[in-house]
Protein backbone atom coordinates (compact mmCIF):
# COMPACT_ATOMS: atom_id res chain seq x y z
CA MET A 1 312.47 35.45 -74.45
CA LYS A 2 314.23 34.53 -71.22
CA HIS A 3 317.25 36.03 -69.54
CA LEU A 4 319.39 34.43 -66.90
CA ILE A 5 321.36 35.88 -64.01
CA ALA A 6 323.61 33.71 -61.88
CA ILE A 7 326.40 34.70 -59.48
CA SER A 8 330.21 34.71 -59.89
CA ILE A 9 333.48 34.80 -57.93
CA SER A 10 335.55 37.00 -60.18
CA ALA A 11 335.28 40.50 -61.59
CA THR A 12 337.02 39.49 -64.82
CA VAL A 13 334.79 39.67 -67.86
CA ILE A 14 334.13 36.21 -69.20
CA ALA A 15 332.80 35.86 -72.72
CA SER A 16 331.86 32.66 -74.48
CA LEU A 17 329.49 31.60 -77.19
CA SER A 18 327.08 28.76 -76.54
CA SER A 19 324.02 28.19 -78.72
CA CYS A 20 324.47 31.67 -80.14
CA LYS A 21 324.31 33.24 -76.69
CA MET A 22 326.87 35.59 -75.25
CA VAL A 23 327.81 34.98 -71.64
CA LYS A 24 329.37 37.77 -69.58
CA GLN A 25 330.09 38.27 -65.93
CA VAL A 26 327.80 40.42 -63.86
CA PHE A 27 329.45 41.22 -60.56
CA GLY A 28 332.38 40.40 -58.36
CA SER A 29 333.45 38.31 -55.41
CA HIS A 30 330.82 37.13 -52.96
CA ASP A 31 331.50 34.21 -50.65
CA PRO A 32 328.15 32.40 -50.50
CA VAL A 33 327.00 33.54 -53.93
CA LYS A 34 329.29 32.20 -56.61
CA ARG A 35 329.64 31.82 -60.37
CA ALA A 36 327.40 34.62 -61.56
CA PHE A 37 326.68 35.14 -65.21
CA MET A 38 324.08 37.04 -67.17
CA LYS A 39 322.93 35.37 -70.37
CA HIS A 40 321.23 37.27 -73.17
CA ASN A 41 320.17 36.35 -76.66
CA PHE A 42 321.82 39.45 -78.13
CA ALA A 43 325.47 40.11 -77.43
CA ASP A 44 325.22 43.81 -78.30
CA HIS A 45 322.88 44.34 -75.35
CA LEU A 46 325.74 43.71 -72.95
CA THR A 47 328.45 45.95 -71.60
CA ASP A 48 331.66 44.98 -69.86
CA THR A 49 329.97 44.78 -66.49
CA GLY A 50 326.63 43.46 -67.63
CA ARG A 51 324.84 45.88 -65.31
CA ARG A 52 323.54 48.00 -68.19
CA ALA A 53 322.21 45.05 -70.14
CA LYS A 54 318.53 45.51 -70.90
CA LEU A 55 315.56 43.23 -70.69
CA HIS A 56 312.69 43.31 -73.13
CA HIS A 57 309.24 44.11 -71.84
CA ASN A 58 307.31 40.95 -70.91
CA ASP A 59 310.53 38.96 -70.88
CA GLU A 60 310.99 36.50 -68.05
CA LEU A 61 314.12 37.12 -66.03
CA ILE A 62 315.59 33.95 -64.56
CA ILE A 63 317.78 34.41 -61.49
CA GLU A 64 319.94 31.31 -61.11
CA ILE A 65 322.44 30.73 -58.32
CA ASP A 66 324.00 27.38 -59.10
CA SER A 67 326.27 26.99 -56.08
CA ILE A 68 324.50 27.90 -52.85
CA ASN A 69 323.79 25.84 -49.72
CA LYS A 70 320.05 26.23 -49.19
CA LEU A 71 320.24 23.86 -46.22
CA VAL A 72 321.90 26.62 -44.23
CA TYR A 73 320.98 29.75 -46.22
CA ASP A 74 317.64 31.35 -46.95
CA ILE A 75 317.87 32.98 -50.39
CA ASN A 76 315.83 36.15 -50.82
CA VAL A 77 315.55 37.55 -54.34
CA ALA A 78 313.28 40.51 -55.11
CA GLY A 79 311.26 39.92 -51.97
CA LYS A 80 310.78 36.18 -52.51
CA SER A 81 312.50 33.87 -50.03
CA GLU A 82 313.47 30.25 -50.53
CA GLY A 83 315.42 27.76 -48.46
CA ALA A 84 315.51 24.03 -47.74
CA LEU A 85 314.02 22.69 -44.53
CA MET A 86 316.67 21.35 -42.18
CA ASP A 87 315.85 19.96 -38.74
CA THR A 88 318.74 20.86 -36.45
CA THR A 89 317.43 19.34 -33.23
CA ASN A 90 319.94 17.80 -30.84
CA ILE A 91 318.47 14.34 -31.26
CA PHE A 92 321.87 12.67 -30.91
CA ASN A 93 322.97 14.36 -27.69
CA SER A 94 320.89 12.31 -25.24
CA LEU A 95 321.59 9.09 -27.13
CA LEU A 96 325.31 9.78 -27.14
CA GLN A 97 325.22 10.40 -23.39
CA LYS A 98 323.68 6.98 -22.78
CA THR A 99 326.59 5.23 -24.52
CA THR A 100 329.42 7.23 -22.92
CA THR A 101 328.53 7.82 -19.24
CA SER A 102 328.36 4.21 -18.01
CA THR A 103 331.31 2.61 -16.21
CA THR A 104 332.66 -0.87 -16.81
CA THR A 105 334.40 -3.40 -14.65
CA SER A 106 338.16 -3.53 -14.67
CA ALA A 107 338.17 -6.63 -16.82
CA SER A 108 335.76 -5.07 -19.31
CA THR A 109 337.77 -1.84 -19.38
CA GLU A 110 340.95 -3.77 -20.04
CA ALA A 111 339.30 -5.62 -22.90
CA THR A 112 338.08 -2.35 -24.37
CA LYS A 113 341.61 -0.93 -24.31
CA GLU A 114 343.02 -4.07 -25.91
CA ASP A 115 340.40 -3.96 -28.68
CA SER A 116 340.48 -0.22 -29.31
CA SER A 117 341.74 -0.88 -32.82
CA LEU A 118 338.62 -2.84 -33.80
CA THR A 119 336.91 -1.47 -36.87
CA PHE A 120 333.56 0.28 -36.99
CA GLN A 121 331.75 -2.78 -38.29
CA GLU A 122 333.60 -5.79 -36.84
CA VAL A 123 332.37 -7.95 -34.00
CA LEU A 124 335.09 -10.20 -32.59
CA PRO A 125 334.61 -12.97 -30.00
CA LEU A 126 336.61 -12.22 -26.86
CA ILE A 127 338.46 -14.84 -24.83
CA ASP A 128 338.94 -14.43 -21.10
CA ARG A 129 342.65 -13.92 -20.44
CA THR A 130 342.50 -12.98 -16.75
CA ASN A 131 342.03 -14.91 -13.56
CA LEU A 132 338.70 -14.14 -12.05
CA ILE A 133 338.69 -12.92 -8.47
CA TRP A 134 336.12 -15.56 -7.68
CA ASP A 135 338.52 -18.35 -8.76
CA VAL A 136 341.24 -17.15 -6.43
CA GLU A 137 338.85 -16.93 -3.51
CA MET A 138 337.54 -20.40 -4.26
CA GLU A 139 341.05 -21.89 -4.10
CA LYS A 140 341.61 -20.24 -0.77
CA SER A 141 338.33 -21.63 0.51
CA LEU A 142 339.22 -25.13 -0.60
CA GLN A 143 342.56 -24.97 1.21
CA LYS A 144 341.00 -23.50 4.32
CA ASN A 145 338.42 -26.24 4.80
CA ALA A 146 339.34 -29.85 5.41
CA ILE A 147 337.19 -31.40 2.76
CA VAL A 148 337.10 -35.07 2.00
CA LYS A 149 338.31 -36.16 -1.40
CA GLY A 150 334.87 -36.89 -2.74
CA ASP A 151 333.56 -33.49 -1.73
CA LYS A 152 336.57 -31.82 -3.28
CA LEU A 153 335.78 -33.39 -6.66
CA GLU A 154 332.23 -32.10 -6.42
CA ILE A 155 333.50 -28.62 -5.57
CA GLU A 156 335.94 -28.60 -8.48
CA LYS A 157 333.13 -29.74 -10.80
CA PHE A 158 330.92 -26.94 -9.50
CA HIS A 159 333.81 -24.46 -9.81
CA THR A 160 334.37 -25.38 -13.47
CA ARG A 161 330.68 -24.89 -14.34
CA PHE A 162 330.54 -21.62 -12.42
CA LYS A 163 333.74 -20.35 -14.00
CA ASN A 164 332.49 -21.14 -17.54
CA SER A 165 329.33 -19.18 -16.83
CA GLN A 166 331.41 -16.27 -15.57
CA ILE A 167 333.50 -16.29 -18.74
CA GLN A 168 330.35 -16.36 -20.85
CA ILE A 169 328.92 -13.39 -18.97
CA GLN A 170 332.11 -11.36 -19.26
CA ASN A 171 332.34 -12.09 -22.98
CA ASN A 172 328.79 -10.87 -23.38
CA PHE A 173 329.70 -7.66 -21.55
CA ARG A 174 332.69 -7.14 -23.79
CA ASN A 175 330.55 -7.59 -26.90
CA ILE A 176 328.08 -5.12 -25.44
CA ASP A 177 330.97 -2.67 -25.04
CA LEU A 178 331.77 -3.11 -28.73
CA PHE A 179 328.20 -2.36 -29.77
CA LYS A 180 328.18 0.60 -27.42
CA LYS A 181 331.29 1.90 -29.17
CA LYS A 182 329.61 1.44 -32.53
CA LEU A 183 326.44 3.23 -31.41
CA SER A 184 328.50 6.00 -29.80
CA SER A 185 330.44 6.46 -33.02
CA PHE A 186 327.17 6.56 -34.97
CA PHE A 187 325.68 9.16 -32.62
CA GLU A 188 328.86 11.26 -32.81
CA PHE A 189 328.71 11.05 -36.59
CA GLY A 190 325.06 12.10 -36.60
CA LYS A 191 325.91 15.03 -34.35
CA ILE A 192 328.75 16.24 -36.59
CA VAL A 193 326.89 15.96 -39.95
CA PRO A 194 324.85 19.19 -39.47
CA ILE A 195 328.07 20.98 -38.53
CA ILE A 196 329.79 19.72 -41.69
CA ILE A 197 326.84 20.88 -43.78
CA GLY A 198 326.70 24.23 -42.01
CA SER A 199 330.42 24.94 -42.30
CA GLU A 200 330.38 25.05 -46.10
CA CYS A 201 328.49 27.82 -47.85
CA CYS A 202 328.41 26.67 -51.43
CA SER A 203 330.06 23.47 -52.58
CA GLN A 204 327.83 20.40 -52.45
CA ASN A 205 330.71 18.16 -53.52
CA LYS A 206 332.90 19.42 -50.71
CA ILE A 207 330.14 18.76 -48.16
CA LYS A 208 329.63 15.24 -49.49
CA ASP A 209 333.36 14.53 -49.48
CA ASN A 210 333.77 15.81 -45.92
CA ILE A 211 330.86 13.68 -44.66
CA VAL A 212 332.27 10.55 -46.31
CA LEU A 213 335.75 11.38 -44.98
CA ASP A 214 334.44 11.73 -41.41
CA PHE A 215 332.60 8.43 -41.75
CA GLU A 216 335.78 6.74 -43.02
CA ARG A 217 337.79 8.11 -40.08
CA ARG A 218 335.47 6.17 -37.80
CA GLY A 219 336.64 2.88 -39.29
CA ALA A 220 333.99 2.52 -41.96
CA ASP A 221 334.00 -0.19 -44.55
CA PRO A 222 336.38 0.92 -47.38
CA SER A 223 333.65 0.17 -49.93
CA ILE A 224 331.59 3.07 -48.53
CA ASN A 225 332.48 6.09 -50.68
CA SER A 226 329.24 8.02 -51.13
CA LEU A 227 326.33 9.41 -49.14
CA VAL A 228 324.11 6.75 -50.68
CA ASP A 229 326.40 4.05 -49.26
CA ILE A 230 326.29 5.68 -45.83
CA VAL A 231 322.49 5.86 -45.92
CA LYS A 232 322.27 2.16 -46.79
CA HIS A 233 324.68 1.37 -43.96
CA ILE A 234 322.94 3.30 -41.21
CA GLN A 235 319.52 2.03 -42.27
CA ILE A 236 320.71 -1.49 -41.35
CA TYR A 237 323.29 -1.44 -38.58
CA PRO A 238 322.42 0.95 -35.69
CA THR A 239 319.06 -0.69 -34.97
CA ALA A 240 320.71 -4.12 -35.39
CA TRP A 241 323.30 -3.09 -32.77
CA VAL A 242 320.50 -2.21 -30.35
CA ASP A 243 318.94 -5.62 -30.99
CA SER A 244 322.32 -7.26 -30.36
CA ILE A 245 322.76 -5.43 -27.05
CA GLU A 246 319.28 -6.50 -25.99
CA THR A 247 320.05 -10.12 -26.97
CA LEU A 248 323.34 -10.07 -25.05
CA LYS A 249 321.59 -8.62 -22.02
CA LYS A 250 319.06 -11.45 -22.10
CA ASN A 251 321.90 -13.96 -22.38
CA ILE A 252 323.63 -12.44 -19.34
CA ILE A 253 320.47 -12.58 -17.26
CA LYS A 254 319.75 -16.12 -18.43
CA THR A 255 323.30 -17.21 -17.55
CA LYS A 256 323.10 -15.45 -14.19
CA ASN A 257 319.88 -17.27 -13.35
CA LYS A 258 321.52 -20.54 -14.38
CA MET A 259 324.48 -19.80 -12.09
CA ILE A 260 322.13 -19.10 -9.21
CA SER A 261 320.38 -22.41 -9.84
CA ILE A 262 323.69 -24.29 -9.92
CA SER A 263 324.81 -22.59 -6.74
CA ASP A 264 321.53 -23.34 -4.96
CA ASP A 265 321.76 -27.01 -5.94
CA PHE A 266 325.39 -27.21 -4.72
CA ILE A 267 324.63 -25.57 -1.40
CA LYS A 268 321.62 -27.82 -0.88
CA LYS A 269 323.75 -30.89 -1.58
CA HIS A 270 326.55 -29.82 0.78
CA GLN A 271 324.49 -28.10 3.41
CA THR A 272 326.15 -30.14 6.20
CA ASN A 273 329.50 -28.44 5.54
CA SER A 274 328.56 -25.11 7.05
CA LEU A 275 331.98 -23.49 6.81
CA LEU A 276 332.29 -24.21 3.12
CA ILE A 277 328.71 -23.21 2.43
CA ASP A 278 329.13 -19.93 4.30
CA GLU A 279 332.33 -19.16 2.44
CA ILE A 280 330.85 -19.93 -0.97
CA SER A 281 327.62 -18.10 -0.22
CA SER A 282 329.54 -14.98 0.79
CA ILE A 283 331.60 -15.02 -2.38
CA GLU A 284 328.52 -15.65 -4.55
CA ASP A 285 326.59 -12.83 -2.90
CA ASP A 286 329.42 -10.41 -3.62
CA TYR A 287 329.67 -11.60 -7.24
CA PHE A 288 325.98 -11.39 -8.01
CA THR A 289 325.73 -7.98 -6.37
CA THR A 290 328.59 -6.77 -8.56
CA LEU A 291 327.01 -8.43 -11.58
CA ASN A 292 323.66 -6.73 -10.97
CA ASP A 293 325.42 -3.39 -10.65
CA GLN A 294 327.28 -4.03 -13.89
CA ILE A 295 324.04 -4.90 -15.70
CA GLU A 296 322.52 -1.66 -14.44
CA SER A 297 325.48 0.57 -15.28
CA ASP A 298 327.15 -0.96 -18.32
CA ILE A 299 324.17 -1.88 -20.47
CA PRO A 300 322.76 1.29 -22.08
CA LYS A 301 319.04 1.87 -21.83
CA ILE A 302 318.48 2.78 -25.46
CA SER A 303 315.19 2.00 -27.12
CA LYS A 304 315.09 0.78 -30.68
CA ASP A 305 312.46 3.42 -31.47
CA SER A 306 314.77 6.28 -30.40
CA VAL A 307 317.60 4.90 -32.55
CA SER A 308 315.18 4.47 -35.47
CA THR A 309 314.19 8.14 -35.04
CA ALA A 310 317.86 9.15 -35.10
CA VAL A 311 318.46 7.00 -38.18
CA SER A 312 315.45 8.55 -39.91
CA PHE A 313 316.65 12.06 -39.10
CA LEU A 314 320.20 11.40 -40.29
CA THR A 315 319.00 9.57 -43.40
CA GLY A 316 316.83 12.55 -44.32
CA LEU A 317 319.69 14.95 -43.68
CA LEU A 318 322.12 12.96 -45.82
CA ASN A 319 319.55 12.70 -48.62
CA GLN A 320 319.09 16.47 -48.51
CA ALA A 321 322.85 16.99 -48.68
CA ASN A 322 322.91 14.63 -51.67
CA ASN A 323 320.09 16.47 -53.46
CA SER A 324 321.42 18.97 -56.01
CA LYS A 325 318.19 21.01 -55.78
CA ASN A 326 319.26 22.13 -52.30
CA PHE A 327 322.37 23.72 -53.81
CA LYS A 328 320.73 25.66 -56.61
CA PHE A 329 318.35 28.61 -56.58
CA VAL A 330 316.15 29.46 -59.56
CA GLY A 331 313.74 32.37 -59.46
CA ARG A 332 311.56 33.63 -62.29
CA TYR A 333 310.49 37.27 -62.46
CA PRO A 334 308.54 39.14 -65.17
CA ALA A 335 310.21 42.23 -66.58
CA THR A 336 307.68 45.00 -65.93
CA GLY A 337 308.03 48.73 -65.43
CA ASN A 338 311.01 50.80 -66.51
CA TYR A 339 313.36 48.81 -64.30
CA LEU A 340 313.56 45.44 -62.69
CA ASN A 341 315.22 45.92 -59.32
CA VAL A 342 316.70 42.64 -58.09
CA ASP A 343 318.17 42.38 -54.59
CA ILE A 344 319.81 39.03 -53.88
CA LYS A 345 320.43 38.17 -50.22
CA ALA A 346 321.88 35.02 -48.69
CA ILE A 347 320.90 34.90 -45.00
CA PRO A 348 322.18 32.07 -42.75
CA LYS A 349 319.53 30.18 -40.83
CA SER A 350 319.61 30.95 -37.11
CA THR A 351 321.47 27.72 -36.27
CA PHE A 352 324.35 28.62 -38.57
CA LYS A 353 324.77 32.34 -37.98
CA THR A 354 327.97 31.66 -36.02
CA LEU A 355 329.42 29.62 -38.91
CA LEU A 356 328.46 31.71 -41.94
CA ALA A 357 327.97 35.38 -42.71
CA ALA A 358 325.14 36.98 -44.65
CA ASP A 359 325.86 38.38 -48.10
CA SER A 360 323.95 40.33 -50.70
CA THR A 361 324.17 42.06 -54.04
CA SER A 362 321.81 44.04 -56.26
CA TYR A 363 320.88 44.45 -59.91
CA ARG A 364 319.03 47.32 -61.52
CA ILE A 365 318.13 46.19 -65.00
CA PRO A 366 316.39 48.47 -67.54
CA VAL A 367 313.34 47.01 -69.23
CA ARG A 368 313.28 47.71 -72.98
CA TYR A 369 310.35 48.17 -75.34
CA ARG A 370 307.78 48.81 -72.69
CA PHE A 371 304.98 50.82 -74.29
CA GLU A 372 304.74 54.28 -72.73
CA TRP A 373 303.25 57.64 -73.52
CA ALA A 374 304.18 61.21 -72.72
CA ILE A 375 301.95 64.25 -72.72
CA GLY A 376 302.92 67.88 -72.37
CA PRO A 377 302.72 71.43 -73.70
CA ALA A 378 304.09 72.00 -77.16
CA LEU A 379 305.33 74.81 -79.34
CA ASN A 380 305.00 73.94 -83.02
CA PHE A 381 305.99 75.76 -86.17
CA GLY A 382 304.20 75.31 -89.49
CA PHE A 383 306.04 75.73 -92.79
CA GLY A 384 304.63 76.28 -96.27
CA GLU A 385 301.53 77.87 -97.76
CA CYS A 386 299.27 75.19 -96.34
CA ASN A 387 299.75 76.59 -92.84
CA PHE A 388 298.66 80.19 -93.63
CA ASP A 389 295.45 82.07 -94.39
CA ARG A 390 295.31 84.07 -97.60
CA SER A 391 293.74 87.52 -97.85
CA TYR A 392 292.63 89.38 -101.03
CA ASN A 393 291.51 92.77 -102.34
CA VAL A 394 289.17 93.58 -105.22
CA ASP A 395 289.47 96.34 -107.83
CA SER A 396 287.94 97.24 -111.15
CA ALA A 397 289.36 95.52 -114.18
CA ARG A 398 290.95 97.88 -116.72
CA ASN A 399 291.93 97.57 -120.33
CA GLY A 400 295.30 98.45 -121.83
CA MET A 401 294.37 102.11 -121.98
CA GLY A 402 293.50 102.16 -118.31
CA ALA A 403 289.80 102.38 -118.84
CA VAL A 404 287.47 100.43 -116.50
CA LYS A 405 285.86 97.38 -117.98
CA PRO A 406 282.17 97.46 -117.16
CA ASP A 407 281.52 93.70 -116.99
CA THR A 408 284.54 92.41 -114.98
CA PHE A 409 286.50 93.00 -111.76
CA PHE A 410 289.98 92.04 -110.64
CA ILE A 411 291.03 89.99 -107.47
CA ASN A 412 294.53 90.50 -106.04
CA ARG A 413 296.23 88.33 -103.33
CA ASN A 414 297.76 90.30 -100.49
CA THR A 415 301.44 89.76 -99.84
CA ARG A 416 302.29 87.55 -96.75
CA GLN A 417 305.18 88.72 -94.61
CA SER A 418 305.73 85.69 -92.32
CA GLN A 419 307.21 82.39 -93.53
CA VAL A 420 306.62 80.46 -90.27
CA SER A 421 303.31 79.86 -88.49
CA PRO A 422 303.85 79.36 -84.72
CA SER A 423 301.21 77.70 -82.57
CA VAL A 424 300.89 76.46 -78.99
CA GLY A 425 299.09 73.33 -77.98
CA LEU A 426 299.23 69.90 -76.40
CA MET A 427 301.14 66.91 -77.75
CA ALA A 428 300.81 63.24 -76.89
CA ASN A 429 303.79 61.04 -77.72
CA PHE A 430 303.71 57.24 -77.83
CA TYR A 431 306.89 55.15 -77.76
CA TRP A 432 308.64 51.99 -76.60
CA GLN A 433 311.12 52.68 -73.84
CA THR A 434 314.60 51.70 -74.99
CA HIS A 435 316.58 53.47 -72.26
CA CYS A 436 318.70 55.07 -74.97
CA PHE A 437 319.60 58.74 -75.09
CA ILE A 438 317.33 59.14 -78.14
CA ASN A 439 314.07 57.25 -78.04
CA PRO A 440 311.87 57.27 -81.20
CA GLY A 441 308.10 57.46 -81.09
CA LEU A 442 304.88 58.72 -82.63
CA SER A 443 303.31 62.13 -81.92
CA LEU A 444 299.70 63.32 -82.00
CA GLY A 445 298.57 66.78 -80.99
CA ILE A 446 296.45 69.87 -81.38
CA SER A 447 297.29 73.56 -81.17
CA THR A 448 295.99 77.03 -81.90
CA THR A 449 297.61 80.24 -83.07
CA PRO A 450 298.29 83.00 -80.55
CA ASN A 451 296.29 85.60 -82.55
CA ASP A 452 293.29 83.38 -83.25
CA LEU A 453 292.41 80.82 -80.58
CA SER A 454 289.61 79.40 -82.69
CA GLN A 455 292.00 78.30 -85.39
CA LEU A 456 292.85 74.70 -84.37
CA LYS A 457 295.57 72.63 -85.96
CA ALA A 458 296.10 68.89 -85.74
CA TYR A 459 299.47 67.12 -85.92
CA LEU A 460 300.68 63.65 -86.78
CA GLY A 461 304.36 62.92 -86.93
CA ALA A 462 307.43 61.17 -85.62
CA CYS A 463 309.16 62.21 -82.43
CA MET A 464 312.45 61.83 -80.63
CA LEU A 465 312.48 61.76 -76.85
CA ILE A 466 315.80 63.12 -75.65
CA GLY A 467 317.50 62.36 -72.36
CA GLN A 468 318.50 59.48 -70.12
CA LEU A 469 318.69 58.58 -66.44
CA SER A 470 321.49 60.25 -64.54
CA LYS A 471 324.20 57.72 -63.67
CA ASN A 472 324.39 59.15 -60.17
CA ASP A 473 320.66 58.90 -59.54
CA LYS A 474 319.85 55.21 -59.35
CA ASN A 475 316.37 55.73 -57.96
CA SER A 476 315.19 58.37 -60.41
CA THR A 477 312.86 57.49 -63.27
CA VAL A 478 313.08 60.91 -64.95
CA TYR A 479 313.47 59.99 -68.61
CA ASN A 480 313.10 61.65 -72.00
CA ARG A 481 311.61 64.96 -70.83
CA ILE A 482 312.49 66.93 -73.95
CA ILE A 483 310.64 65.78 -77.06
CA PHE A 484 311.23 66.93 -80.63
CA SER A 485 308.68 66.08 -83.28
CA ALA A 486 308.10 66.70 -86.97
CA GLY A 487 305.51 65.60 -89.48
CA LEU A 488 302.24 66.53 -91.08
CA SER A 489 299.88 69.22 -89.88
CA TYR A 490 296.22 69.59 -90.72
CA ASN A 491 295.14 73.23 -91.00
CA ARG A 492 291.83 75.01 -91.60
CA VAL A 493 292.90 78.06 -93.62
CA ASP A 494 291.26 80.78 -95.77
CA ARG A 495 291.33 80.22 -99.50
CA LEU A 496 289.55 81.96 -102.40
CA LYS A 497 286.07 80.65 -102.97
CA GLY A 498 285.75 78.05 -105.68
CA SER A 499 283.75 80.31 -108.02
CA LEU A 500 286.48 82.92 -108.02
CA ILE A 501 289.99 83.03 -109.38
CA GLU A 502 292.91 85.35 -108.79
CA GLY A 503 292.90 87.97 -111.52
CA GLU A 504 290.02 89.02 -113.76
CA ASN A 505 286.56 87.66 -112.97
CA PRO A 506 283.21 88.37 -114.70
CA LYS A 507 280.71 90.28 -112.57
CA SER A 508 278.32 87.41 -112.99
CA ARG A 509 280.38 85.49 -110.41
CA MET A 510 279.97 88.10 -107.69
CA PRO A 511 278.15 91.45 -107.57
CA PHE A 512 280.73 94.23 -107.69
CA THR A 513 279.78 97.91 -107.28
CA GLY A 514 283.27 99.30 -107.59
CA ASN A 515 283.90 99.26 -103.83
CA ASN A 516 286.32 96.89 -102.09
CA ILE A 517 284.73 93.66 -100.81
CA ALA A 518 285.45 92.15 -97.35
CA THR A 519 287.76 89.13 -97.36
CA ASP A 520 285.19 86.79 -95.83
CA GLN A 521 283.06 87.36 -98.91
CA LEU A 522 285.91 86.22 -101.07
CA THR A 523 287.25 83.30 -98.99
CA GLU A 524 286.12 80.13 -97.32
CA LYS A 525 287.75 77.68 -94.87
CA VAL A 526 289.37 74.62 -96.41
CA GLY A 527 291.43 71.80 -94.86
CA LEU A 528 295.02 71.46 -96.08
CA ILE A 529 297.95 69.24 -95.14
CA GLY A 530 301.19 70.95 -94.36
CA PHE A 531 304.43 70.31 -92.51
CA TYR A 532 305.44 71.21 -88.98
CA PHE A 533 308.36 71.02 -86.58
CA GLY A 534 308.01 71.47 -82.84
CA PHE A 535 309.09 70.49 -79.36
CA SER A 536 307.28 69.64 -76.16
CA TYR A 537 308.04 68.76 -72.56
CA LYS A 538 306.87 65.59 -70.85
CA ILE A 539 304.85 66.32 -67.72
CA ASN A 540 303.47 62.86 -66.84
């Protein structure tokens, strides 16, 4: 037989029938420990509160808490602790810092502002809509220097190639900024997930909904509506974004090297025009210095391995939040002893002590039908002839005229004054503990009479153990101290020898000289079954 305890949010008694089982509430409102019910196979074992419901000996008590966040709580029931493992390291902090502390050029910053409405997943090509500083300076240089027409065409050709390379580089930087935003949003999401999990004590569905809602607020694909969808998403994209940033960085460096080569060829070709060459060289030096600084500051140094570690951590965390086993506690405990004391504690893990409070409750459940025995002194009372000795006297037999008959004698039974035979002894009582005020059992015992210690009596009967635990003494196990018993008694008592009868006997049965004969010559010990009633006191 199994019994189930779970935890509830209301003190109202709830009764329902399901598979012939009565369900009733056990105890009242507790924040982290909700929906508590005690299920028993027999409805009449339950009271309004359920606290006095009784288990059967050797039953298995099942403690079930079906709405508890084991990711943030350690559940301790009857000395056994259980909780889910949850890594709460700050793995996302350093990664988030790498995507948020770098500075961008004014053009890149402007593009970021213009594209702030881009979604979490989109990658849009950017078109240069600003005049590059280099272009303006080049025009000034062309006007400043008296250049022949043919040289001017060469310079314009060089300017166009250089400008296209600049646009390509700036577009790459803008795409890098987009991937940085995506990674930053992913790291922020990873950082907030443990907080979402830790802020809710009980409801798995609420945790899942809040995680999905936070993901959607970051511009997620509308088709993502479950933790499984999020896991599939983050297993693909964050590492792909790192690969994209690395590819864009290589493209920038490749384009920069190409620009340097173009510039070197142009300067070599027009090396006789020193003023122009000096002007262009100065502008190029400033540009490439700025470009190198931008590569150093605006491209995050994030390894794919570190992002994979973050993805693995977050994937594991989301899978734990999606696992119903982490929101249900089941403990099995054998019902032994007179009571099963169950203390249920929900203790927040150290990381979440500022978010959630500890809570606890207790059960003290009597265990029924546990075989027990009680031993103690007894005072028993025997009733009926079978519990008493008989004594006799002998006289001469006489005829109707009063003359003595020579060949016979007469045996008379002495009158007994007492109707009750008291005795003191030791009784052993065997019973199954029912925790009721009257507990039935079986009694065995021996005793002796106060006036003849050698006269032993044996008892076999039924008993009633009277008494129950005081309601104000929850720790006491003082039960059934007073015991009443009744049944059969076995007695060794004096009875007339088998060769003799009460009344007239021939002298051939026993020599008779006319004097009275001692009782022990007339009687012998015989075993007889009688009845007794008594009471004893349990001392064990």
